[in-house]
Amino acid sequence: MKKYLTEKEVSEITQLKLPTLRNHRHASRGIPYIKIGSSVRYDPDDVMKFMQQNRIDPEGRADR
């Protein structure tokens, strides 16, 4: 079974502050998430995809 990440774990991985993650969810942007009751969880694959999509290569090489 896949382990889903808490918002605190995602904050540590992405270095985004918890309020930023919460603002993104409220604005329907950012990393896709799962909500069960009041619990929020993130699929690790979605977190890595988000990080890769926001990757900037200073030499201009495409890495997507």
Protein backbone atom coordinates (compact mmCIF):
# COMPACT_ATOMS: atom_id res chain seq x y z
CA MET A 1 0.00 0.00 0.00
CA LYS A 2 1.26 3.47 -0.91
CA LYS A 3 2.16 5.86 1.92
CA TYR A 4 0.71 9.32 1.50
CA LEU A 5 2.41 12.39 2.91
CA THR A 6 1.10 14.86 5.48
CA GLU A 7 1.24 18.57 4.77
CA LYS A 8 4.10 18.86 7.27
CA GLU A 9 6.11 16.24 5.36
CA VAL A 10 5.39 18.02 2.07
CA SER A 11 6.45 21.31 3.64
CA GLU A 12 9.78 19.76 4.64
CA ILE A 13 10.33 18.24 1.18
CA THR A 14 9.39 21.34 -0.83
CA GLN A 15 10.55 23.98 1.68
CA LEU A 16 7.15 25.64 1.27
CA LYS A 17 5.70 26.92 4.54
CA LEU A 18 2.48 25.34 5.82
CA PRO A 19 0.47 28.56 5.28
CA THR A 20 1.66 28.60 1.65
CA LEU A 21 0.46 25.02 1.09
CA ARG A 22 -2.86 25.92 2.72
CA ASN A 23 -3.22 29.06 0.60
CA HIS A 24 -2.53 27.02 -2.53
CA ARG A 25 -5.26 24.53 -1.59
CA HIS A 26 -7.71 27.34 -0.87
CA ALA A 27 -6.92 28.92 -4.26
CA SER A 28 -7.17 25.53 -6.05
CA ARG A 29 -3.56 25.60 -7.24
CA GLY A 30 -0.28 23.98 -6.35
CA ILE A 31 0.15 20.31 -5.56
CA PRO A 32 -2.87 17.99 -5.95
CA TYR A 33 -4.07 16.66 -2.60
CA ILE A 34 -6.50 14.24 -1.00
CA LYS A 35 -8.90 15.33 1.72
CA ILE A 36 -10.50 12.82 4.06
CA GLY A 37 -12.53 14.58 6.71
CA SER A 38 -10.20 17.27 8.02
CA SER A 39 -7.05 15.33 7.08
CA VAL A 40 -5.05 16.40 4.06
CA ARG A 41 -2.67 13.99 2.35
CA TYR A 42 -0.43 14.23 -0.69
CA ASP A 43 0.63 11.53 -3.12
CA PRO A 44 4.46 11.47 -3.18
CA ASP A 45 4.36 11.12 -6.98
CA ASP A 46 2.35 14.37 -7.24
CA VAL A 47 4.85 16.16 -5.00
CA MET A 48 7.79 15.04 -7.15
CA LYS A 49 5.90 15.95 -10.35
CA PHE A 50 5.19 19.44 -8.95
CA MET A 51 8.87 19.88 -8.08
CA GLN A 52 9.95 18.75 -11.55
CA GLN A 53 7.42 21.03 -13.28
CA ASN A 54 8.85 23.99 -11.38
CA ARG A 55 12.45 23.13 -12.19
CA ILE A 56 14.41 25.90 -13.86
CA ASP A 57 17.55 25.07 -15.79
CA PRO A 58 19.77 28.16 -15.87
CA GLU A 59 21.49 26.88 -19.01
CA GLY A 60 18.17 26.66 -20.82
CA ARG A 61 18.17 22.93 -21.41
CA ALA A 62 14.76 21.31 -21.44
CA ASP A 63 14.52 18.55 -18.84
CA ARG A 64 10.87 17.68 -19.12
